[in-house]
Amino acid sequence: MHKAKLALSQLVISQLIILDMQEKLASAMPADAMQQVTKNCGILAQAAVLLNVPTVLTEQYPQGLGATLPEIKLYLPAVRAIAKTAFSACTEPKFNQQLQRENSHIILVGMESHICVLQTALDLIEAGKTVFVVEDAILSRTPANKTNALARLQQAGAVITNTESVLFEWLGNANHEAFKALSKLIR
């Protein structure tokens, strides 16, 4: 656990993956939980831009589920979403091409916890990546499915964390030049 904390604070080896935060999928989620997850994904996207953390967006069957939510895409205008039909993003060659080889620590957020997040995380762990699943930035249609996914992910070796922990581990120090900007995001 200590090793994972230290590694996350080194930006050079972190990469943010935002899975399937799409319009039509969002409409199937509990509204209050969806609002919170969208907010936290937006915070992490903004922080990634400020701190130059490489970011990957995916869209599950965009023809049917729509594009990435505008509230997320707003912060990542230069990032092109990778369309996929498989539940694990790791089965998509374009996704694997975007994975930074030297970035062995993946911050994973998005939907749905028990499907695409779970399968992508398990494949990333199998590939030797350290996966940080941001509990307050993932969502399933039912809380029980999210709870089950988190238990499975933890058993498989994923580090379960939260938005604020990721932000402050990325910063590492209150003297960081981005500290004021990032701390405003969580107030």
Foldseek 3Di string as FASTA:
>chain_A
DVVLLLLLQALVQEAEEAEAQFDQVLVLADVVLSVQLLLLLQLVLQLCVVLVHHYAYEHAPCVPGNDHDCSNCVSVVPHDYHYDNALAPVVPPVVVVSDDPSNLEYEYAYDDLQTNVLNNLLVSVVVVGAYEYALSNHHDRDPVSNVVSVVVSVVSHHHYHHSVSSSCSNQVDCPRPCNVVSVVSVD
